[in-house]
Amino acid sequence: MATDEIERMGLLSEIHFDYDSADLRESDRAVLNKNADALK
């Protein structure tokens, strides 16, 4: 598949941050765990 097709599939989920923060929230760590599994 072309990379733009893979991108449209939504294989990787976004994470969000609190105002004026770059700290990972616990719920976002779970999202990143799933993203890491997909990337592996």
PDB file of all heavy atoms in Angstrom:
ATOM      1  N   MET A   1       0.828  -1.212   0.000  1.00  0.00           N
ATOM      2  CA  MET A   1       0.000   0.000   0.000  1.00  0.00           C
ATOM      3  C   MET A   1       0.859   1.257   0.000  1.00  0.00           C
ATOM      4  O   MET A   1       1.961   1.276   0.544  1.00  0.00           O
ATOM      5  CB  MET A   1      -0.909   0.027   1.239  1.00  0.00           C
ATOM      6  CG  MET A   1      -1.992  -1.011   1.239  1.00  0.00           C
ATOM      7  SD  MET A   1      -2.905  -1.076   2.794  1.00  0.00           S
ATOM      8  CE  MET A   1      -3.841   0.430   2.686  1.00  0.00           C
ATOM      9  N   ALA A   2       0.301   2.325  -0.583  1.00  0.00           N
ATOM     10  CA  ALA A   2       0.962   3.625  -0.531  1.00  0.00           C
ATOM     11  C   ALA A   2       0.863   4.176   0.890  1.00  0.00           C
ATOM     12  O   ALA A   2      -0.082   3.873   1.623  1.00  0.00           O
ATOM     13  CB  ALA A   2       0.293   4.583  -1.514  1.00  0.00           C
ATOM     14  N   THR A   3       1.826   4.993   1.268  1.00  0.00           N
ATOM     15  CA  THR A   3       1.838   5.515   2.633  1.00  0.00           C
ATOM     16  C   THR A   3       0.610   6.367   2.928  1.00  0.00           C
ATOM     17  O   THR A   3       0.105   6.338   4.045  1.00  0.00           O
ATOM     18  CB  THR A   3       3.117   6.330   2.915  1.00  0.00           C
ATOM     19  OG1 THR A   3       3.241   7.357   1.930  1.00  0.00           O
ATOM     20  CG2 THR A   3       4.344   5.453   2.910  1.00  0.00           C
ATOM     21  N   ASP A   4       0.109   7.099   1.932  1.00  0.00           N
ATOM     22  CA  ASP A   4      -1.084   7.911   2.206  1.00  0.00           C
ATOM     23  C   ASP A   4      -2.312   7.030   2.428  1.00  0.00           C
ATOM     24  O   ASP A   4      -3.209   7.390   3.195  1.00  0.00           O
ATOM     25  CB  ASP A   4      -1.331   8.941   1.102  1.00  0.00           C
ATOM     26  CG  ASP A   4      -1.563   8.329  -0.269  1.00  0.00           C
ATOM     27  OD1 ASP A   4      -1.045   7.240  -0.552  1.00  0.00           O
ATOM     28  OD2 ASP A   4      -2.273   8.971  -1.081  1.00  0.00           O
ATOM     29  N   GLU A   5      -2.357   5.862   1.811  1.00  0.00           N
ATOM     30  CA  GLU A   5      -3.454   4.917   2.071  1.00  0.00           C
ATOM     31  C   GLU A   5      -3.373   4.388   3.498  1.00  0.00           C
ATOM     32  O   GLU A   5      -4.385   4.278   4.193  1.00  0.00           O
ATOM     33  CB  GLU A   5      -3.407   3.727   1.107  1.00  0.00           C
ATOM     34  CG  GLU A   5      -3.760   4.036  -0.322  1.00  0.00           C
ATOM     35  CD  GLU A   5      -3.628   2.800  -1.185  1.00  0.00           C
ATOM     36  OE1 GLU A   5      -2.490   2.390  -1.477  1.00  0.00           O
ATOM     37  OE2 GLU A   5      -4.684   2.237  -1.544  1.00  0.00           O
ATOM     38  N   ILE A   6      -2.167   4.043   3.927  1.00  0.00           N
ATOM     39  CA  ILE A   6      -1.973   3.553   5.294  1.00  0.00           C
ATOM     40  C   ILE A   6      -2.353   4.644   6.290  1.00  0.00           C
ATOM     41  O   ILE A   6      -3.009   4.394   7.292  1.00  0.00           O
ATOM     42  CB  ILE A   6      -0.522   3.074   5.505  1.00  0.00           C
ATOM     43  CG1 ILE A   6      -0.217   1.897   4.579  1.00  0.00           C
ATOM     44  CG2 ILE A   6      -0.276   2.706   6.961  1.00  0.00           C
ATOM     45  CD1 ILE A   6       1.243   1.505   4.516  1.00  0.00           C
ATOM     46  N   GLU A   7      -1.955   5.881   5.979  1.00  0.00           N
ATOM     47  CA  GLU A   7      -2.283   7.017   6.840  1.00  0.00           C
ATOM     48  C   GLU A   7      -3.800   7.158   6.983  1.00  0.00           C
ATOM     49  O   GLU A   7      -4.312   7.354   8.086  1.00  0.00           O
ATOM     50  CB  GLU A   7      -1.675   8.295   6.242  1.00  0.00           C
ATOM     51  CG  GLU A   7      -2.030   9.563   6.959  1.00  0.00           C
ATOM     52  CD  GLU A   7      -1.370   9.730   8.313  1.00  0.00           C
ATOM     53  OE1 GLU A   7      -0.424   9.007   8.635  1.00  0.00           O
ATOM     54  OE2 GLU A   7      -1.840  10.594   9.064  1.00  0.00           O
ATOM     55  N   ARG A   8      -4.543   7.024   5.894  1.00  0.00           N
ATOM     56  CA  ARG A   8      -6.008   7.169   5.935  1.00  0.00           C
ATOM     57  C   ARG A   8      -6.681   6.028   6.697  1.00  0.00           C
ATOM     58  O   ARG A   8      -7.798   6.175   7.169  1.00  0.00           O
ATOM     59  CB  ARG A   8      -6.572   7.251   4.513  1.00  0.00           C
ATOM     60  CG  ARG A   8      -6.359   8.612   3.864  1.00  0.00           C
ATOM     61  CD  ARG A   8      -7.171   8.762   2.594  1.00  0.00           C
ATOM     62  NE  ARG A   8      -6.900   7.765   1.592  1.00  0.00           N
ATOM     63  CZ  ARG A   8      -5.992   7.859   0.622  1.00  0.00           C
ATOM     64  NH1 ARG A   8      -5.243   8.942   0.531  1.00  0.00           N
ATOM     65  NH2 ARG A   8      -5.826   6.892  -0.255  1.00  0.00           N
ATOM     66  N   MET A   9      -6.020   4.889   6.831  1.00  0.00           N
ATOM     67  CA  MET A   9      -6.585   3.755   7.571  1.00  0.00           C
ATOM     68  C   MET A   9      -6.719   4.054   9.062  1.00  0.00           C
ATOM     69  O   MET A   9      -7.485   3.400   9.762  1.00  0.00           O
ATOM     70  CB  MET A   9      -5.705   2.510   7.424  1.00  0.00           C
ATOM     71  CG  MET A   9      -5.760   1.858   6.079  1.00  0.00           C
ATOM     72  SD  MET A   9      -4.587   0.487   5.982  1.00  0.00           S
ATOM     73  CE  MET A   9      -5.115  -0.546   7.336  1.00  0.00           C
ATOM     74  N   GLY A  10      -5.937   4.994   9.557  1.00  0.00           N
ATOM     75  CA  GLY A  10      -5.984   5.307  10.984  1.00  0.00           C
ATOM     76  C   GLY A  10      -5.295   4.246  11.829  1.00  0.00           C
ATOM     77  O   GLY A  10      -5.734   3.963  12.941  1.00  0.00           O
ATOM     78  N   LEU A  11      -4.239   3.668  11.306  1.00  0.00           N
ATOM     79  CA  LEU A  11      -3.492   2.634  12.018  1.00  0.00           C
ATOM     80  C   LEU A  11      -2.939   3.159  13.349  1.00  0.00           C
ATOM     81  O   LEU A  11      -2.915   2.450  14.339  1.00  0.00           O
ATOM     82  CB  LEU A  11      -2.352   2.128  11.128  1.00  0.00           C
ATOM     83  CG  LEU A  11      -1.446   1.064  11.686  1.00  0.00           C
ATOM     84  CD1 LEU A  11      -2.213  -0.244  11.872  1.00  0.00           C
ATOM     85  CD2 LEU A  11      -0.256   0.838  10.757  1.00  0.00           C
ATOM     86  N   LEU A  12      -2.520   4.425  13.342  1.00  0.00           N
ATOM     87  CA  LEU A  12      -1.920   5.039  14.529  1.00  0.00           C
ATOM     88  C   LEU A  12      -2.845   6.127  15.068  1.00  0.00           C
ATOM     89  O   LEU A  12      -3.345   6.958  14.312  1.00  0.00           O
ATOM     90  CB  LEU A  12      -0.556   5.627  14.180  1.00  0.00           C
ATOM     91  CG  LEU A  12       0.428   4.631  13.547  1.00  0.00           C
ATOM     92  CD1 LEU A  12       1.675   5.344  13.064  1.00  0.00           C
ATOM     93  CD2 LEU A  12       0.776   3.529  14.524  1.00  0.00           C
ATOM     94  N   SER A  13      -3.067   6.112  16.360  1.00  0.00           N
ATOM     95  CA  SER A  13      -3.984   7.070  16.993  1.00  0.00           C
ATOM     96  C   SER A  13      -3.229   8.259  17.560  1.00  0.00           C
ATOM     97  O   SER A  13      -2.068   8.140  17.966  1.00  0.00           O
ATOM     98  CB  SER A  13      -4.756   6.386  18.125  1.00  0.00           C
ATOM     99  OG  SER A  13      -5.512   5.316  17.619  1.00  0.00           O
ATOM    100  N   GLU A  14      -3.905   9.391  17.609  1.00  0.00           N
ATOM    101  CA  GLU A  14      -3.328  10.607  18.183  1.00  0.00           C
ATOM    102  C   GLU A  14      -3.396  10.564  19.706  1.00  0.00           C
ATOM    103  O   GLU A  14      -4.206   9.847  20.285  1.00  0.00           O
ATOM    104  CB  GLU A  14      -4.107  11.836  17.701  1.00  0.00           C
ATOM    105  CG  GLU A  14      -3.953  12.109  16.232  1.00  0.00           C
ATOM    106  CD  GLU A  14      -4.625  13.404  15.787  1.00  0.00           C
ATOM    107  OE1 GLU A  14      -5.515  13.918  16.507  1.00  0.00           O
ATOM    108  OE2 GLU A  14      -4.251  13.886  14.708  1.00  0.00           O
ATOM    109  N   ILE A  15      -2.533  11.365  20.323  1.00  0.00           N
ATOM    110  CA  ILE A  15      -2.611  11.582  21.765  1.00  0.00           C
ATOM    111  C   ILE A  15      -2.823  13.073  21.989  1.00  0.00           C
ATOM    112  O   ILE A  15      -2.572  13.891  21.097  1.00  0.00           O
ATOM    113  CB  ILE A  15      -1.362  11.072  22.512  1.00  0.00           C
ATOM    114  CG1 ILE A  15      -0.095  11.797  22.049  1.00  0.00           C
ATOM    115  CG2 ILE A  15      -1.224   9.567  22.344  1.00  0.00           C
ATOM    116  CD1 ILE A  15       1.129  11.500  22.892  1.00  0.00           C
ATOM    117  N   HIS A  16      -3.308  13.436  23.167  1.00  0.00           N
ATOM    118  CA  HIS A  16      -3.612  14.833  23.477  1.00  0.00           C
ATOM    119  C   HIS A  16      -2.936  15.266  24.775  1.00  0.00           C
ATOM    120  O   HIS A  16      -2.559  14.417  25.591  1.00  0.00           O
ATOM    121  CB  HIS A  16      -5.131  15.020  23.566  1.00  0.00           C
ATOM    122  CG  HIS A  16      -5.781  14.812  22.237  1.00  0.00           C
ATOM    123  ND1 HIS A  16      -6.144  13.566  21.778  1.00  0.00           N
ATOM    124  CD2 HIS A  16      -6.093  15.684  21.250  1.00  0.00           C
ATOM    125  CE1 HIS A  16      -6.656  13.687  20.562  1.00  0.00           C
ATOM    126  NE2 HIS A  16      -6.640  14.943  20.219  1.00  0.00           N
ATOM    127  N   PHE A  17      -2.810  16.562  24.929  1.00  0.00           N
ATOM    128  CA  PHE A  17      -2.088  17.135  26.068  1.00  0.00           C
ATOM    129  C   PHE A  17      -2.951  18.154  26.794  1.00  0.00           C
ATOM    130  O   PHE A  17      -3.851  18.761  26.210  1.00  0.00           O
ATOM    131  CB  PHE A  17      -0.806  17.815  25.579  1.00  0.00           C
ATOM    132  CG  PHE A  17       0.187  16.856  24.985  1.00  0.00           C
ATOM    133  CD1 PHE A  17       0.141  16.533  23.633  1.00  0.00           C
ATOM    134  CD2 PHE A  17       1.157  16.250  25.775  1.00  0.00           C
ATOM    135  CE1 PHE A  17       1.044  15.647  23.078  1.00  0.00           C
ATOM    136  CE2 PHE A  17       2.060  15.362  25.227  1.00  0.00           C
ATOM    137  CZ  PHE A  17       2.007  15.051  23.874  1.00  0.00           C
ATOM    138  N   ASP A  18      -2.622  18.342  28.054  1.00  0.00           N
ATOM    139  CA  ASP A  18      -3.268  19.393  28.830  1.00  0.00           C
ATOM    140  C   ASP A  18      -2.698  20.744  28.394  1.00  0.00           C
ATOM    141  O   ASP A  18      -1.637  20.827  27.753  1.00  0.00           O
ATOM    142  CB  ASP A  18      -3.017  19.179  30.326  1.00  0.00           C
ATOM    143  CG  ASP A  18      -3.734  17.941  30.848  1.00  0.00           C
ATOM    144  OD1 ASP A  18      -4.845  17.637  30.350  1.00  0.00           O
ATOM    145  OD2 ASP A  18      -3.181  17.275  31.743  1.00  0.00           O
ATOM    146  N   TYR A  19      -3.378  21.803  28.760  1.00  0.00           N
ATOM    147  CA  TYR A  19      -2.951  23.160  28.419  1.00  0.00           C
ATOM    148  C   TYR A  19      -1.541  23.428  28.950  1.00  0.00           C
ATOM    149  O   TYR A  19      -1.217  23.107  30.091  1.00  0.00           O
ATOM    150  CB  TYR A  19      -3.946  24.178  28.996  1.00  0.00           C
ATOM    151  CG  TYR A  19      -3.537  25.611  28.788  1.00  0.00           C
ATOM    152  CD1 TYR A  19      -3.551  26.169  27.512  1.00  0.00           C
ATOM    153  CD2 TYR A  19      -3.116  26.388  29.851  1.00  0.00           C
ATOM    154  CE1 TYR A  19      -3.166  27.488  27.316  1.00  0.00           C
ATOM    155  CE2 TYR A  19      -2.732  27.715  29.676  1.00  0.00           C
ATOM    156  CZ  TYR A  19      -2.749  28.253  28.395  1.00  0.00           C
ATOM    157  OH  TYR A  19      -2.362  29.552  28.193  1.00  0.00           O
ATOM    158  N   ASP A  20      -0.712  23.982  28.098  1.00  0.00           N
ATOM    159  CA  ASP A  20       0.648  24.402  28.463  1.00  0.00           C
ATOM    160  C   ASP A  20       1.472  23.250  29.044  1.00  0.00           C
ATOM    161  O   ASP A  20       2.270  23.443  29.961  1.00  0.00           O
ATOM    162  CB  ASP A  20       0.570  25.568  29.468  1.00  0.00           C
ATOM    163  CG  ASP A  20       1.892  26.300  29.611  1.00  0.00           C
ATOM    164  OD1 ASP A  20       2.658  26.344  28.623  1.00  0.00           O
ATOM    165  OD2 ASP A  20       2.184  26.796  30.718  1.00  0.00           O
ATOM    166  N   SER A  21       1.273  22.036  28.512  1.00  0.00           N
ATOM    167  CA  SER A  21       1.953  20.862  29.054  1.00  0.00           C
ATOM    168  C   SER A  21       2.447  19.952  27.929  1.00  0.00           C
ATOM    169  O   SER A  21       1.818  19.860  26.880  1.00  0.00           O
ATOM    170  CB  SER A  21       0.996  20.079  29.954  1.00  0.00           C
ATOM    171  OG  SER A  21       1.578  18.865  30.367  1.00  0.00           O
ATOM    172  N   ALA A  22       3.540  19.287  28.220  1.00  0.00           N
ATOM    173  CA  ALA A  22       4.051  18.246  27.322  1.00  0.00           C
ATOM    174  C   ALA A  22       4.154  16.922  28.072  1.00  0.00           C
ATOM    175  O   ALA A  22       4.871  16.015  27.649  1.00  0.00           O
ATOM    176  CB  ALA A  22       5.412  18.652  26.765  1.00  0.00           C
ATOM    177  N   ASP A  23       3.421  16.811  29.189  1.00  0.00           N
ATOM    178  CA  ASP A  23       3.431  15.583  29.984  1.00  0.00           C
ATOM    179  C   ASP A  23       2.441  14.575  29.409  1.00  0.00           C
ATOM    180  O   ASP A  23       1.312  14.934  29.044  1.00  0.00           O
ATOM    181  CB  ASP A  23       3.048  15.873  31.439  1.00  0.00           C
ATOM    182  CG  ASP A  23       4.083  16.753  32.135  1.00  0.00           C
ATOM    183  OD1 ASP A  23       5.275  16.703  31.750  1.00  0.00           O
ATOM    184  OD2 ASP A  23       3.689  17.498  33.056  1.00  0.00           O
ATOM    185  N   LEU A  24       2.857  13.303  29.372  1.00  0.00           N
ATOM    186  CA  LEU A  24       1.964  12.238  28.898  1.00  0.00           C
ATOM    187  C   LEU A  24       0.958  11.889  29.977  1.00  0.00           C
ATOM    188  O   LEU A  24       1.327  11.675  31.133  1.00  0.00           O
ATOM    189  CB  LEU A  24       2.765  10.982  28.542  1.00  0.00           C
ATOM    190  CG  LEU A  24       3.657  11.059  27.313  1.00  0.00           C
ATOM    191  CD1 LEU A  24       4.458   9.765  27.164  1.00  0.00           C
ATOM    192  CD2 LEU A  24       2.827  11.314  26.066  1.00  0.00           C
ATOM    193  N   ARG A  25      -0.299  11.821  29.594  1.00  0.00           N
ATOM    194  CA  ARG A  25      -1.338  11.359  30.505  1.00  0.00           C
ATOM    195  C   ARG A  25      -1.386   9.836  30.448  1.00  0.00           C
ATOM    196  O   ARG A  25      -0.951   9.224  29.466  1.00  0.00           O
ATOM    197  CB  ARG A  25      -2.693  11.959  30.110  1.00  0.00           C
ATOM    198  CG  ARG A  25      -2.692  13.478  30.176  1.00  0.00           C
ATOM    199  CD  ARG A  25      -4.028  14.071  29.828  1.00  0.00           C
ATOM    200  NE  ARG A  25      -4.317  13.888  28.411  1.00  0.00           N
ATOM    201  CZ  ARG A  25      -5.271  14.526  27.760  1.00  0.00           C
ATOM    202  NH1 ARG A  25      -6.041  15.392  28.386  1.00  0.00           N
ATOM    203  NH2 ARG A  25      -5.484  14.300  26.478  1.00  0.00           N
ATOM    204  N   GLU A  26      -1.906   9.219  31.491  1.00  0.00           N
ATOM    205  CA  GLU A  26      -1.960   7.751  31.546  1.00  0.00           C
ATOM    206  C   GLU A  26      -2.738   7.174  30.366  1.00  0.00           C
ATOM    207  O   GLU A  26      -2.327   6.182  29.770  1.00  0.00           O
ATOM    208  CB  GLU A  26      -2.566   7.295  32.877  1.00  0.00           C
ATOM    209  CG  GLU A  26      -2.206   5.881  33.256  1.00  0.00           C
ATOM    210  CD  GLU A  26      -0.699   5.624  33.318  1.00  0.00           C
ATOM    211  OE1 GLU A  26       0.054   6.464  33.823  1.00  0.00           O
ATOM    212  OE2 GLU A  26      -0.279   4.552  32.838  1.00  0.00           O
ATOM    213  N   SER A  27      -3.850   7.791  30.005  1.00  0.00           N
ATOM    214  CA  SER A  27      -4.652   7.298  28.876  1.00  0.00           C
ATOM    215  C   SER A  27      -3.865   7.387  27.567  1.00  0.00           C
ATOM    216  O   SER A  27      -4.031   6.554  26.678  1.00  0.00           O
ATOM    217  CB  SER A  27      -5.960   8.077  28.769  1.00  0.00           C
ATOM    218  OG  SER A  27      -5.702   9.462  28.562  1.00  0.00           O
ATOM    219  N   ASP A  28      -3.009   8.381  27.452  1.00  0.00           N
ATOM    220  CA  ASP A  28      -2.202   8.524  26.242  1.00  0.00           C
ATOM    221  C   ASP A  28      -1.062   7.513  26.197  1.00  0.00           C
ATOM    222  O   ASP A  28      -0.635   7.103  25.124  1.00  0.00           O
ATOM    223  CB  ASP A  28      -1.676   9.951  26.122  1.00  0.00           C
ATOM    224  CG  ASP A  28      -2.804  10.945  25.877  1.00  0.00           C
ATOM    225  OD1 ASP A  28      -3.709  10.628  25.082  1.00  0.00           O
ATOM    226  OD2 ASP A  28      -2.796  12.025  26.502  1.00  0.00           O
ATOM    227  N   ARG A  29      -0.589   7.094  27.351  1.00  0.00           N
ATOM    228  CA  ARG A  29       0.420   6.024  27.375  1.00  0.00           C
ATOM    229  C   ARG A  29      -0.174   4.738  26.797  1.00  0.00           C
ATOM    230  O   ARG A  29       0.499   4.014  26.061  1.00  0.00           O
ATOM    231  CB  ARG A  29       0.917   5.774  28.803  1.00  0.00           C
ATOM    232  CG  ARG A  29       1.779   6.882  29.348  1.00  0.00           C
ATOM    233  CD  ARG A  29       2.209   6.588  30.803  1.00  0.00           C
ATOM    234  NE  ARG A  29       2.742   7.758  31.435  1.00  0.00           N
ATOM    235  CZ  ARG A  29       4.003   8.163  31.330  1.00  0.00           C
ATOM    236  NH1 ARG A  29       4.855   7.459  30.617  1.00  0.00           N
ATOM    237  NH2 ARG A  29       4.415   9.260  31.937  1.00  0.00           N
ATOM    238  N   ALA A  30      -1.437   4.460  27.109  1.00  0.00           N
ATOM    239  CA  ALA A  30      -2.101   3.268  26.552  1.00  0.00           C
ATOM    240  C   ALA A  30      -2.203   3.377  25.030  1.00  0.00           C
ATOM    241  O   ALA A  30      -1.994   2.390  24.312  1.00  0.00           O
ATOM    242  CB  ALA A  30      -3.484   3.096  27.174  1.00  0.00           C
ATOM    243  N   VAL A  31      -2.509   4.567  24.527  1.00  0.00           N
ATOM    244  CA  VAL A  31      -2.570   4.784  23.074  1.00  0.00           C
ATOM    245  C   VAL A  31      -1.192   4.567  22.462  1.00  0.00           C
ATOM    246  O   VAL A  31      -1.049   3.906  21.421  1.00  0.00           O
ATOM    247  CB  VAL A  31      -3.108   6.197  22.750  1.00  0.00           C
ATOM    248  CG1 VAL A  31      -2.959   6.521  21.272  1.00  0.00           C
ATOM    249  CG2 VAL A  31      -4.556   6.329  23.186  1.00  0.00           C
ATOM    250  N   LEU A  32      -0.168   5.102  23.102  1.00  0.00           N
ATOM    251  CA  LEU A  32       1.195   4.936  22.589  1.00  0.00           C
ATOM    252  C   LEU A  32       1.630   3.469  22.618  1.00  0.00           C
ATOM    253  O   LEU A  32       2.359   3.020  21.735  1.00  0.00           O
ATOM    254  CB  LEU A  32       2.179   5.802  23.377  1.00  0.00           C
ATOM    255  CG  LEU A  32       2.071   7.310  23.107  1.00  0.00           C
ATOM    256  CD1 LEU A  32       2.977   8.085  24.059  1.00  0.00           C
ATOM    257  CD2 LEU A  32       2.392   7.638  21.659  1.00  0.00           C
ATOM    258  N   ASN A  33       1.181   2.715  23.617  1.00  0.00           N
ATOM    259  CA  ASN A  33       1.485   1.277  23.661  1.00  0.00           C
ATOM    260  C   ASN A  33       0.904   0.579  22.437  1.00  0.00           C
ATOM    261  O   ASN A  33       1.566  -0.262  21.812  1.00  0.00           O
ATOM    262  CB  ASN A  33       0.944   0.636  24.935  1.00  0.00           C
ATOM    263  CG  ASN A  33       1.730   1.034  26.166  1.00  0.00           C
ATOM    264  OD1 ASN A  33       2.890   1.412  26.092  1.00  0.00           O
ATOM    265  ND2 ASN A  33       1.096   0.972  27.318  1.00  0.00           N
ATOM    266  N   LYS A  34      -0.331   0.915  22.075  1.00  0.00           N
ATOM    267  CA  LYS A  34      -0.962   0.325  20.884  1.00  0.00           C
ATOM    268  C   LYS A  34      -0.247   0.774  19.610  1.00  0.00           C
ATOM    269  O   LYS A  34      -0.050  -0.021  18.695  1.00  0.00           O
ATOM    270  CB  LYS A  34      -2.445   0.691  20.825  1.00  0.00           C
ATOM    271  CG  LYS A  34      -3.269  -0.011  21.871  1.00  0.00           C
ATOM    272  CD  LYS A  34      -4.724   0.398  21.797  1.00  0.00           C
ATOM    273  CE  LYS A  34      -5.513  -0.258  22.920  1.00  0.00           C
ATOM    274  NZ  LYS A  34      -6.914   0.148  22.933  1.00  0.00           N
ATOM    275  N   ASN A  35       0.121   2.041  19.555  1.00  0.00           N
ATOM    276  CA  ASN A  35       0.858   2.529  18.390  1.00  0.00           C
ATOM    277  C   ASN A  35       2.192   1.795  18.257  1.00  0.00           C
ATOM    278  O   ASN A  35       2.592   1.421  17.147  1.00  0.00           O
ATOM    279  CB  ASN A  35       1.096   4.035  18.494  1.00  0.00           C
ATOM    280  CG  ASN A  35      -0.145   4.865  18.217  1.00  0.00           C
ATOM    281  OD1 ASN A  35      -1.194   4.342  17.859  1.00  0.00           O
ATOM    282  ND2 ASN A  35      -0.046   6.168  18.399  1.00  0.00           N
ATOM    283  N   ALA A  36       2.870   1.579  19.376  1.00  0.00           N
ATOM    284  CA  ALA A  36       4.155   0.864  19.343  1.00  0.00           C
ATOM    285  C   ALA A  36       3.961  -0.568  18.849  1.00  0.00           C
ATOM    286  O   ALA A  36       4.755  -1.069  18.042  1.00  0.00           O
ATOM    287  CB  ALA A  36       4.804   0.871  20.723  1.00  0.00           C
ATOM    288  N   ASP A  37       2.897  -1.229  19.306  1.00  0.00           N
ATOM    289  CA  ASP A  37       2.613  -2.592  18.836  1.00  0.00           C
ATOM    290  C   ASP A  37       2.418  -2.609  17.323  1.00  0.00           C
ATOM    291  O   ASP A  37       2.923  -3.490  16.625  1.00  0.00           O
ATOM    292  CB  ASP A  37       1.372  -3.163  19.533  1.00  0.00           C
ATOM    293  CG  ASP A  37       1.606  -3.468  21.000  1.00  0.00           C
ATOM    294  OD1 ASP A  37       2.782  -3.557  21.422  1.00  0.00           O
ATOM    295  OD2 ASP A  37       0.606  -3.610  21.734  1.00  0.00           O
ATOM    296  N   ALA A  38       1.665  -1.638  16.805  1.00  0.00           N
ATOM    297  CA  ALA A  38       1.428  -1.568  15.355  1.00  0.00           C
ATOM    298  C   ALA A  38       2.734  -1.294  14.608  1.00  0.00           C
ATOM    299  O   ALA A  38       2.996  -1.910  13.570  1.00  0.00           O
ATOM    300  CB  ALA A  38       0.400  -0.481  15.036  1.00  0.00           C
ATOM    301  N   LEU A  39       3.545  -0.414  15.141  1.00  0.00           N
ATOM    302  CA  LEU A  39       4.814  -0.107  14.476  1.00  0.00           C
ATOM    303  C   LEU A  39       5.787  -1.285  14.519  1.00  0.00           C
ATOM    304  O   LEU A  39       6.581  -1.474  13.596  1.00  0.00           O
ATOM    305  CB  LEU A  39       5.452   1.142  15.098  1.00  0.00           C
ATOM    306  CG  LEU A  39       4.722   2.446  14.782  1.00  0.00           C
ATOM    307  CD1 LEU A  39       5.271   3.598  15.626  1.00  0.00           C
ATOM    308  CD2 LEU A  39       4.819   2.762  13.296  1.00  0.00           C
ATOM    309  N   LYS A  40       5.727  -2.075  15.555  1.00  0.00           N
ATOM    310  CA  LYS A  40       6.582  -3.273  15.608  1.00  0.00           C
ATOM    311  C   LYS A  40       6.042  -4.353  14.685  1.00  0.00           C
ATOM    312  O   LYS A  40       6.813  -5.071  14.056  1.00  0.00           O
ATOM    313  CB  LYS A  40       6.703  -3.775  17.051  1.00  0.00           C
ATOM    314  CG  LYS A  40       7.570  -2.851  17.903  1.00  0.00           C
ATOM    315  CD  LYS A  40       7.851  -3.420  19.271  1.00  0.00           C
ATOM    316  CE  LYS A  40       6.764  -3.059  20.234  1.00  0.00           C
ATOM    317  NZ  LYS A  40       7.065  -3.421  21.626  1.00  0.00           N
TER     318      LYS A  40
END
